[in-house]
């Protein structure tokens, strides 16, 4: 990393609590252009809260969050035009067609309607959705909806993508395409910041993995660095070791034993 390069995301001393529960405990983090960040951790670790703070959707935190060098607490929302976002659970406007939804989204990001329409139609075609462009989103499968969300997040050519479970519902071929899209965007200097519980995907596509547990960063590095530090093989095993979850085999064994209790057998 060029030591003179400015981080696109800079977080210092980030604390956040909801009522009596501390969600983030003094997070310090710098992210640079061209990085694919796998932001992982158990449920409740603070991943979504971190992202929502960076998006300007959550306030009331302590600490400093800078995006593109600017403190986001200054009230200037112009930085949001340079980011894209796919939430884990997204409410699409089901009564709209994909054309209507995507052109509307493009206009929100400052694109002209005709430009957004032309680009969206091309992207839909590339993801094999051109025949569904003028169909209502209510008729779409989960995978089709996910593709529309991904297109909407990238339509305006953002500099940072925030993605929560971006491959959810996609078939194997589409997963390959989307993973390659991320790699190509990163090579162009875009930053991909995403969360996923699918450890083998995180392991394969991340240039840097950040593991959050209990509101603290407990690991930060490439997969090779994390494996070297923990002496474990897969990212799933590293995850389990660092978060203290080592009972999965025992739980699975007992679960299957309960299923078999008193079950009718021929």
C-alpha atoms as a PDB file:
ATOM      1  CA  UNK A   1       0.000   0.000   0.000  1.00  0.00           C
ATOM      2  CA  UNK A   2       1.291   3.428  -0.947  1.00  0.00           C
ATOM      3  CA  UNK A   3       1.932   5.165   2.387  1.00  0.00           C
ATOM      4  CA  UNK A   4       0.922   8.505   0.860  1.00  0.00           C
ATOM      5  CA  UNK A   5      -2.482   7.252  -0.285  1.00  0.00           C
ATOM      6  CA  UNK A   6      -5.498   8.577   1.565  1.00  0.00           C
ATOM      7  CA  UNK A   7      -7.940   5.952   2.868  1.00  0.00           C
ATOM      8  CA  UNK A   8     -11.419   6.035   1.311  1.00  0.00           C
ATOM      9  CA  UNK A   9     -12.852   4.949   4.674  1.00  0.00           C
ATOM     10  CA  UNK A  10     -11.295   6.013   7.967  1.00  0.00           C
ATOM     11  CA  UNK A  11     -12.881   5.055  11.289  1.00  0.00           C
ATOM     12  CA  UNK A  12     -11.370   6.112  14.616  1.00  0.00           C
ATOM     13  CA  UNK A  13     -12.618   5.239  18.102  1.00  0.00           C
ATOM     14  CA  UNK A  14     -16.095   4.197  16.975  1.00  0.00           C
ATOM     15  CA  UNK A  15     -18.370   3.356  19.894  1.00  0.00           C
ATOM     16  CA  UNK A  16     -22.082   2.630  19.644  1.00  0.00           C
ATOM     17  CA  UNK A  17     -24.623   1.376  22.117  1.00  0.00           C
ATOM     18  CA  UNK A  18     -28.314   0.609  21.898  1.00  0.00           C
ATOM     19  CA  UNK A  19     -30.035   1.259  25.264  1.00  0.00           C
ATOM     20  CA  UNK A  20     -27.889  -0.775  27.673  1.00  0.00           C
ATOM     21  CA  UNK A  21     -26.052  -2.925  25.085  1.00  0.00           C
ATOM     22  CA  UNK A  22     -22.659  -1.866  23.742  1.00  0.00           C
ATOM     23  CA  UNK A  23     -22.554  -2.859  20.050  1.00  0.00           C
ATOM     24  CA  UNK A  24     -19.222  -1.333  18.953  1.00  0.00           C
ATOM     25  CA  UNK A  25     -16.262  -0.919  21.284  1.00  0.00           C
ATOM     26  CA  UNK A  26     -13.809   1.605  19.905  1.00  0.00           C
ATOM     27  CA  UNK A  27     -13.371   0.368  16.326  1.00  0.00           C
ATOM     28  CA  UNK A  28     -10.339   1.699  14.419  1.00  0.00           C
ATOM     29  CA  UNK A  29     -10.232   0.944  10.716  1.00  0.00           C
ATOM     30  CA  UNK A  30      -8.771   2.287   7.475  1.00  0.00           C
ATOM     31  CA  UNK A  31      -9.825   1.002   4.054  1.00  0.00           C
ATOM     32  CA  UNK A  32      -8.188   1.873   0.736  1.00  0.00           C
ATOM     33  CA  UNK A  33      -9.025   1.980  -2.977  1.00  0.00           C
ATOM     34  CA  UNK A  34      -9.088  -1.379  -4.719  1.00  0.00           C
ATOM     35  CA  UNK A  35      -9.613  -3.477  -1.594  1.00  0.00           C
ATOM     36  CA  UNK A  36     -12.242  -6.197  -1.349  1.00  0.00           C
ATOM     37  CA  UNK A  37     -13.067  -6.278   2.348  1.00  0.00           C
ATOM     38  CA  UNK A  38     -14.803  -9.329   3.807  1.00  0.00           C
ATOM     39  CA  UNK A  39     -16.384  -7.984   7.014  1.00  0.00           C
ATOM     40  CA  UNK A  40     -17.430 -11.010   9.007  1.00  0.00           C
ATOM     41  CA  UNK A  41     -18.531 -11.993  12.489  1.00  0.00           C
ATOM     42  CA  UNK A  42     -21.285 -13.755  14.449  1.00  0.00           C
ATOM     43  CA  UNK A  43     -24.812 -12.343  14.488  1.00  0.00           C
ATOM     44  CA  UNK A  44     -24.906  -9.357  16.836  1.00  0.00           C
ATOM     45  CA  UNK A  45     -21.187  -8.645  16.458  1.00  0.00           C
ATOM     46  CA  UNK A  46     -21.848  -5.117  15.143  1.00  0.00           C
ATOM     47  CA  UNK A  47     -21.309  -5.612  11.391  1.00  0.00           C
ATOM     48  CA  UNK A  48     -24.589  -4.119  10.183  1.00  0.00           C
ATOM     49  CA  UNK A  49     -24.323  -1.269  12.683  1.00  0.00           C
ATOM     50  CA  UNK A  50     -20.874  -0.328  11.356  1.00  0.00           C
ATOM     51  CA  UNK A  51     -22.143  -0.279   7.768  1.00  0.00           C
ATOM     52  CA  UNK A  52     -25.314   1.654   8.604  1.00  0.00           C
ATOM     53  CA  UNK A  53     -23.239   4.292  10.421  1.00  0.00           C
ATOM     54  CA  UNK A  54     -21.026   4.684   7.325  1.00  0.00           C
ATOM     55  CA  UNK A  55     -24.142   5.004   5.174  1.00  0.00           C
ATOM     56  CA  UNK A  56     -25.488   7.753   7.417  1.00  0.00           C
ATOM     57  CA  UNK A  57     -28.485   5.631   8.430  1.00  0.00           C
ATOM     58  CA  UNK A  58     -27.570   5.412  12.131  1.00  0.00           C
ATOM     59  CA  UNK A  59     -26.615   8.331  14.368  1.00  0.00           C
ATOM     60  CA  UNK A  60     -25.770   8.674  18.042  1.00  0.00           C
ATOM     61  CA  UNK A  61     -22.324   7.083  17.806  1.00  0.00           C
ATOM     62  CA  UNK A  62     -19.100   8.291  19.393  1.00  0.00           C
ATOM     63  CA  UNK A  63     -15.936   8.528  17.339  1.00  0.00           C
ATOM     64  CA  UNK A  64     -15.013   9.749  13.869  1.00  0.00           C
ATOM     65  CA  UNK A  65     -16.084   8.306  10.517  1.00  0.00           C
ATOM     66  CA  UNK A  66     -14.531   9.767   7.377  1.00  0.00           C
ATOM     67  CA  UNK A  67     -15.581   8.749   3.866  1.00  0.00           C
ATOM     68  CA  UNK A  68     -13.462  10.133   0.997  1.00  0.00           C
ATOM     69  CA  UNK A  69     -11.595  12.190   3.610  1.00  0.00           C
ATOM     70  CA  UNK A  70     -14.686  13.994   4.913  1.00  0.00           C
ATOM     71  CA  UNK A  71     -16.282  13.587   8.329  1.00  0.00           C
ATOM     72  CA  UNK A  72     -19.788  12.278   7.587  1.00  0.00           C
ATOM     73  CA  UNK A  73     -21.175  14.000  10.701  1.00  0.00           C
ATOM     74  CA  UNK A  74     -20.839  17.400   8.979  1.00  0.00           C
ATOM     75  CA  UNK A  75     -24.276  17.006   7.420  1.00  0.00           C
ATOM     76  CA  UNK A  76     -23.074  17.018   3.802  1.00  0.00           C
ATOM     77  CA  UNK A  77     -24.634  13.985   2.107  1.00  0.00           C
ATOM     78  CA  UNK A  78     -22.883  14.483  -1.251  1.00  0.00           C
ATOM     79  CA  UNK A  79     -20.636  11.475  -0.529  1.00  0.00           C
ATOM     80  CA  UNK A  80     -23.674   9.195  -0.821  1.00  0.00           C
ATOM     81  CA  UNK A  81     -23.716   9.698  -4.586  1.00  0.00           C
ATOM     82  CA  UNK A  82     -20.366   7.888  -4.701  1.00  0.00           C
ATOM     83  CA  UNK A  83     -21.498   4.797  -2.822  1.00  0.00           C
ATOM     84  CA  UNK A  84     -23.737   1.840  -3.623  1.00  0.00           C
ATOM     85  CA  UNK A  85     -25.567  -0.376  -1.139  1.00  0.00           C
ATOM     86  CA  UNK A  86     -27.275  -3.757  -1.109  1.00  0.00           C
ATOM     87  CA  UNK A  87     -28.876  -4.512   2.284  1.00  0.00           C
ATOM     88  CA  UNK A  88     -29.359  -8.095   3.466  1.00  0.00           C
ATOM     89  CA  UNK A  89     -33.130  -7.708   3.478  1.00  0.00           C
ATOM     90  CA  UNK A  90     -34.240  -5.240   0.834  1.00  0.00           C
ATOM     91  CA  UNK A  91     -37.768  -4.040   0.245  1.00  0.00           C
ATOM     92  CA  UNK A  92     -38.139  -3.643  -3.496  1.00  0.00           C
ATOM     93  CA  UNK A  93     -41.104  -1.818  -4.976  1.00  0.00           C
ATOM     94  CA  UNK A  94     -42.837  -4.948  -6.202  1.00  0.00           C
ATOM     95  CA  UNK A  95     -45.515  -3.057  -8.120  1.00  0.00           C
ATOM     96  CA  UNK A  96     -42.867  -1.425 -10.340  1.00  0.00           C
ATOM     97  CA  UNK A  97     -41.180  -3.000 -13.329  1.00  0.00           C
ATOM     98  CA  UNK A  98     -37.399  -3.339 -13.250  1.00  0.00           C
ATOM     99  CA  UNK A  99     -37.202  -0.526 -15.815  1.00  0.00           C
ATOM    100  CA  UNK A 100     -39.203   1.795 -13.567  1.00  0.00           C
ATOM    101  CA  UNK A 101     -37.286   0.820 -10.424  1.00  0.00           C
ATOM    102  CA  UNK A 102     -33.813   1.111 -11.947  1.00  0.00           C
ATOM    103  CA  UNK A 103     -34.410   4.405 -13.756  1.00  0.00           C
ATOM    104  CA  UNK A 104     -35.908   5.808 -10.540  1.00  0.00           C
ATOM    105  CA  UNK A 105     -32.838   4.633  -8.600  1.00  0.00           C
ATOM    106  CA  UNK A 106     -30.499   6.123 -11.214  1.00  0.00           C
ATOM    107  CA  UNK A 107     -32.261   9.480 -10.969  1.00  0.00           C
ATOM    108  CA  UNK A 108     -31.880   9.424  -7.165  1.00  0.00           C
ATOM    109  CA  UNK A 109     -28.125   9.193  -7.741  1.00  0.00           C
ATOM    110  CA  UNK A 110     -28.207  12.145 -10.147  1.00  0.00           C
ATOM    111  CA  UNK A 111     -28.363  10.297 -13.476  1.00  0.00           C
ATOM    112  CA  UNK A 112     -30.569  11.432 -16.330  1.00  0.00           C
ATOM    113  CA  UNK A 113     -33.557   9.153 -16.877  1.00  0.00           C
ATOM    114  CA  UNK A 114     -32.522   8.210 -20.418  1.00  0.00           C
ATOM    115  CA  UNK A 115     -28.934   7.442 -19.377  1.00  0.00           C
ATOM    116  CA  UNK A 116     -30.071   5.309 -16.438  1.00  0.00           C
ATOM    117  CA  UNK A 117     -32.535   3.446 -18.673  1.00  0.00           C
ATOM    118  CA  UNK A 118     -29.953   2.708 -21.364  1.00  0.00           C
ATOM    119  CA  UNK A 119     -27.345   1.493 -18.888  1.00  0.00           C
ATOM    120  CA  UNK A 120     -29.841  -0.538 -16.841  1.00  0.00           C
ATOM    121  CA  UNK A 121     -31.147  -2.288 -19.960  1.00  0.00           C
ATOM    122  CA  UNK A 122     -27.607  -3.281 -20.975  1.00  0.00           C
ATOM    123  CA  UNK A 123     -26.819  -4.584 -17.487  1.00  0.00           C
ATOM    124  CA  UNK A 124     -30.088  -6.523 -17.308  1.00  0.00           C
ATOM    125  CA  UNK A 125     -29.234  -8.153 -20.635  1.00  0.00           C
ATOM    126  CA  UNK A 126     -25.772  -9.155 -19.387  1.00  0.00           C
ATOM    127  CA  UNK A 127     -27.363 -10.893 -16.392  1.00  0.00           C
ATOM    128  CA  UNK A 128     -29.947 -12.648 -18.605  1.00  0.00           C
ATOM    129  CA  UNK A 129     -32.835 -10.516 -17.397  1.00  0.00           C
ATOM    130  CA  UNK A 130     -33.566  -8.541 -20.559  1.00  0.00           C
ATOM    131  CA  UNK A 131     -36.884 -10.357 -21.156  1.00  0.00           C
ATOM    132  CA  UNK A 132     -37.989  -9.436 -17.632  1.00  0.00           C
ATOM    133  CA  UNK A 133     -37.046  -5.747 -17.842  1.00  0.00           C
ATOM    134  CA  UNK A 134     -40.653  -4.624 -18.280  1.00  0.00           C
ATOM    135  CA  UNK A 135     -42.162  -7.236 -15.961  1.00  0.00           C
ATOM    136  CA  UNK A 136     -43.331  -6.302 -12.482  1.00  0.00           C
ATOM    137  CA  UNK A 137     -40.771  -7.153  -9.800  1.00  0.00           C
ATOM    138  CA  UNK A 138     -43.519  -8.990  -7.884  1.00  0.00           C
ATOM    139  CA  UNK A 139     -43.224 -11.780 -10.472  1.00  0.00           C
ATOM    140  CA  UNK A 140     -39.453 -12.184  -9.963  1.00  0.00           C
ATOM    141  CA  UNK A 141     -37.726 -15.050  -8.175  1.00  0.00           C
ATOM    142  CA  UNK A 142     -35.405 -14.316  -5.224  1.00  0.00           C
ATOM    143  CA  UNK A 143     -32.351 -14.635  -7.482  1.00  0.00           C
ATOM    144  CA  UNK A 144     -33.804 -12.246 -10.073  1.00  0.00           C
ATOM    145  CA  UNK A 145     -34.570  -9.687  -7.365  1.00  0.00           C
ATOM    146  CA  UNK A 146     -31.014  -9.987  -6.066  1.00  0.00           C
ATOM    147  CA  UNK A 147     -29.641  -9.263  -9.535  1.00  0.00           C
ATOM    148  CA  UNK A 148     -31.817  -6.139  -9.764  1.00  0.00           C
ATOM    149  CA  UNK A 149     -30.514  -4.998  -6.361  1.00  0.00           C
ATOM    150  CA  UNK A 150     -26.928  -5.530  -7.495  1.00  0.00           C
ATOM    151  CA  UNK A 151     -27.551  -3.589 -10.718  1.00  0.00           C
ATOM    152  CA  UNK A 152     -29.196  -0.772  -8.730  1.00  0.00           C
ATOM    153  CA  UNK A 153     -26.162  -0.555  -6.427  1.00  0.00           C
ATOM    154  CA  UNK A 154     -23.699  -0.285  -9.333  1.00  0.00           C
ATOM    155  CA  UNK A 155     -25.746   1.628 -11.920  1.00  0.00           C
ATOM    156  CA  UNK A 156     -24.174   5.027 -11.103  1.00  0.00           C
ATOM    157  CA  UNK A 157     -20.573   3.665 -11.082  1.00  0.00           C
ATOM    158  CA  UNK A 158     -19.922   4.203  -7.348  1.00  0.00           C
ATOM    159  CA  UNK A 159     -16.461   4.300  -5.780  1.00  0.00           C
ATOM    160  CA  UNK A 160     -17.455   2.206  -2.744  1.00  0.00           C
ATOM    161  CA  UNK A 161     -19.902  -0.699  -2.692  1.00  0.00           C
ATOM    162  CA  UNK A 162     -21.428  -1.768   0.622  1.00  0.00           C
ATOM    163  CA  UNK A 163     -22.971  -5.223   0.265  1.00  0.00           C
ATOM    164  CA  UNK A 164     -24.696  -7.477   2.786  1.00  0.00           C
ATOM    165  CA  UNK A 165     -24.886 -11.121   1.605  1.00  0.00           C
ATOM    166  CA  UNK A 166     -24.546  -9.990  -2.053  1.00  0.00           C
ATOM    167  CA  UNK A 167     -24.673 -13.526  -3.502  1.00  0.00           C
ATOM    168  CA  UNK A 168     -27.896 -14.503  -1.715  1.00  0.00           C
ATOM    169  CA  UNK A 169     -30.243 -16.489  -3.949  1.00  0.00           C
ATOM    170  CA  UNK A 170     -27.960 -16.495  -7.008  1.00  0.00           C
ATOM    171  CA  UNK A 171     -27.353 -19.642  -9.040  1.00  0.00           C
ATOM    172  CA  UNK A 172     -23.813 -21.006  -9.459  1.00  0.00           C
ATOM    173  CA  UNK A 173     -23.200 -19.342 -12.840  1.00  0.00           C
ATOM    174  CA  UNK A 174     -24.402 -15.958 -11.603  1.00  0.00           C
ATOM    175  CA  UNK A 175     -22.174 -16.266  -8.516  1.00  0.00           C
ATOM    176  CA  UNK A 176     -19.169 -16.733 -10.805  1.00  0.00           C
ATOM    177  CA  UNK A 177     -20.128 -13.671 -12.857  1.00  0.00           C
ATOM    178  CA  UNK A 178     -20.732 -11.435  -9.823  1.00  0.00           C
ATOM    179  CA  UNK A 179     -17.486 -12.503  -8.123  1.00  0.00           C
ATOM    180  CA  UNK A 180     -15.617 -11.605 -11.326  1.00  0.00           C
ATOM    181  CA  UNK A 181     -17.437  -8.252 -11.470  1.00  0.00           C
ATOM    182  CA  UNK A 182     -16.195  -7.471  -7.953  1.00  0.00           C
ATOM    183  CA  UNK A 183     -12.623  -8.436  -8.836  1.00  0.00           C
ATOM    184  CA  UNK A 184     -12.724  -6.296 -12.001  1.00  0.00           C
ATOM    185  CA  UNK A 185     -14.157  -3.295 -10.128  1.00  0.00           C
ATOM    186  CA  UNK A 186     -11.450  -3.619  -7.467  1.00  0.00           C
ATOM    187  CA  UNK A 187      -8.788  -3.696 -10.201  1.00  0.00           C
ATOM    188  CA  UNK A 188     -10.253  -0.375 -11.412  1.00  0.00           C
ATOM    189  CA  UNK A 189      -9.739   1.119  -7.950  1.00  0.00           C
ATOM    190  CA  UNK A 190     -13.236   0.612  -6.583  1.00  0.00           C
ATOM    191  CA  UNK A 191     -13.628  -0.530  -2.974  1.00  0.00           C
ATOM    192  CA  UNK A 192     -15.901  -3.454  -2.121  1.00  0.00           C
ATOM    193  CA  UNK A 193     -16.978  -3.699   1.533  1.00  0.00           C
ATOM    194  CA  UNK A 194     -19.226  -6.663   2.149  1.00  0.00           C
ATOM    195  CA  UNK A 195     -20.563  -8.973   4.827  1.00  0.00           C
ATOM    196  CA  UNK A 196     -21.340 -12.644   4.376  1.00  0.00           C
ATOM    197  CA  UNK A 197     -21.797 -15.756   6.476  1.00  0.00           C
ATOM    198  CA  UNK A 198     -20.615 -17.966   3.594  1.00  0.00           C
ATOM    199  CA  UNK A 199     -17.026 -18.432   4.680  1.00  0.00           C
ATOM    200  CA  UNK A 200     -15.715 -20.177   1.576  1.00  0.00           C
ATOM    201  CA  UNK A 201     -16.887 -17.231  -0.569  1.00  0.00           C
ATOM    202  CA  UNK A 202     -15.251 -14.719   1.794  1.00  0.00           C
ATOM    203  CA  UNK A 203     -12.066 -16.786   1.740  1.00  0.00           C
ATOM    204  CA  UNK A 204     -11.932 -16.851  -2.063  1.00  0.00           C
ATOM    205  CA  UNK A 205     -12.835 -13.279  -3.047  1.00  0.00           C
ATOM    206  CA  UNK A 206     -11.529 -11.046  -0.230  1.00  0.00           C
ATOM    207  CA  UNK A 207      -8.194  -9.267  -0.469  1.00  0.00           C
ATOM    208  CA  UNK A 208      -8.592  -8.455   3.226  1.00  0.00           C
ATOM    209  CA  UNK A 209     -10.722 -10.094   5.919  1.00  0.00           C
ATOM    210  CA  UNK A 210     -11.864  -8.270   9.061  1.00  0.00           C
ATOM    211  CA  UNK A 211     -13.409 -10.355  11.826  1.00  0.00           C
ATOM    212  CA  UNK A 212     -15.618  -8.566  14.320  1.00  0.00           C
ATOM    213  CA  UNK A 213     -16.646 -10.251  17.576  1.00  0.00           C
ATOM    214  CA  UNK A 214     -18.459  -8.625  20.459  1.00  0.00           C
ATOM    215  CA  UNK A 215     -17.980  -5.166  18.984  1.00  0.00           C
ATOM    216  CA  UNK A 216     -14.200  -5.550  18.665  1.00  0.00           C
ATOM    217  CA  UNK A 217     -11.969  -6.309  15.668  1.00  0.00           C
ATOM    218  CA  UNK A 218     -10.303  -9.608  16.596  1.00  0.00           C
ATOM    219  CA  UNK A 219      -8.585 -10.285  13.250  1.00  0.00           C
ATOM    220  CA  UNK A 220      -7.587  -8.180  10.248  1.00  0.00           C
ATOM    221  CA  UNK A 221      -5.509  -9.384   7.303  1.00  0.00           C
ATOM    222  CA  UNK A 222      -5.398 -11.531   4.203  1.00  0.00           C
ATOM    223  CA  UNK A 223      -6.662 -15.091   4.446  1.00  0.00           C
ATOM    224  CA  UNK A 224      -3.061 -16.323   4.380  1.00  0.00           C
ATOM    225  CA  UNK A 225      -2.149 -14.026   7.287  1.00  0.00           C
ATOM    226  CA  UNK A 226      -5.163 -15.105   9.339  1.00  0.00           C
ATOM    227  CA  UNK A 227      -4.393 -18.770   8.722  1.00  0.00           C
ATOM    228  CA  UNK A 228      -0.762 -18.278   9.745  1.00  0.00           C
ATOM    229  CA  UNK A 229      -1.756 -16.500  12.964  1.00  0.00           C
ATOM    230  CA  UNK A 230      -4.368 -19.052  14.009  1.00  0.00           C
ATOM    231  CA  UNK A 231      -2.758 -22.270  12.704  1.00  0.00           C
ATOM    232  CA  UNK A 232      -6.152 -23.298  11.334  1.00  0.00           C
ATOM    233  CA  UNK A 233      -6.956 -24.471   7.818  1.00  0.00           C
ATOM    234  CA  UNK A 234     -10.150 -22.959   6.461  1.00  0.00           C
ATOM    235  CA  UNK A 235     -11.660 -19.563   7.186  1.00  0.00           C
ATOM    236  CA  UNK A 236     -14.590 -21.343   8.822  1.00  0.00           C
ATOM    237  CA  UNK A 237     -12.205 -23.023  11.287  1.00  0.00           C
ATOM    238  CA  UNK A 238     -10.389 -19.714  11.927  1.00  0.00           C
ATOM    239  CA  UNK A 239     -13.774 -18.041  12.505  1.00  0.00           C
ATOM    240  CA  UNK A 240     -14.826 -20.709  14.987  1.00  0.00           C
ATOM    241  CA  UNK A 241     -11.520 -20.573  16.838  1.00  0.00           C
ATOM    242  CA  UNK A 242     -11.416 -16.769  17.152  1.00  0.00           C
ATOM    243  CA  UNK A 243     -15.073 -16.424  18.157  1.00  0.00           C
ATOM    244  CA  UNK A 244     -14.848 -19.306  20.614  1.00  0.00           C
ATOM    245  CA  UNK A 245     -17.466 -21.401  18.848  1.00  0.00           C
ATOM    246  CA  UNK A 246     -16.050 -24.912  18.904  1.00  0.00           C
ATOM    247  CA  UNK A 247     -19.141 -26.949  19.792  1.00  0.00           C
ATOM    248  CA  UNK A 248     -20.683 -27.205  16.350  1.00  0.00           C
ATOM    249  CA  UNK A 249     -19.902 -30.918  15.929  1.00  0.00           C
ATOM    250  CA  UNK A 250     -21.279 -31.730  19.377  1.00  0.00           C
ATOM    251  CA  UNK A 251     -24.466 -29.718  18.740  1.00  0.00           C
ATOM    252  CA  UNK A 252     -24.972 -31.323  15.322  1.00  0.00           C
ATOM    253  CA  UNK A 253     -24.469 -34.803  16.776  1.00  0.00           C
ATOM    254  CA  UNK A 254     -26.984 -34.189  19.557  1.00  0.00           C
ATOM    255  CA  UNK A 255     -29.457 -32.609  17.100  1.00  0.00           C
ATOM    256  CA  UNK A 256     -29.375 -35.691  14.875  1.00  0.00           C
ATOM    257  CA  UNK A 257     -29.656 -37.966  17.938  1.00  0.00           C
ATOM    258  CA  UNK A 258     -32.831 -36.139  19.042  1.00  0.00           C
ATOM    259  CA  UNK A 259     -34.314 -36.493  15.566  1.00  0.00           C
ATOM    260  CA  UNK A 260     -33.729 -40.247  15.814  1.00  0.00           C
ATOM    261  CA  UNK A 261     -35.326 -40.631  19.238  1.00  0.00           C
ATOM    262  CA  UNK A 262     -38.378 -42.798  18.951  1.00  0.00           C
ATOM    263  CA  UNK A 263     -38.498 -42.343  15.188  1.00  0.00           C
ATOM    264  CA  UNK A 264     -40.433 -45.113  13.445  1.00  0.00           C
ATOM    265  CA  UNK A 265     -38.180 -47.608  11.692  1.00  0.00           C
ATOM    266  CA  UNK A 266     -39.123 -50.350   9.337  1.00  0.00           C
END
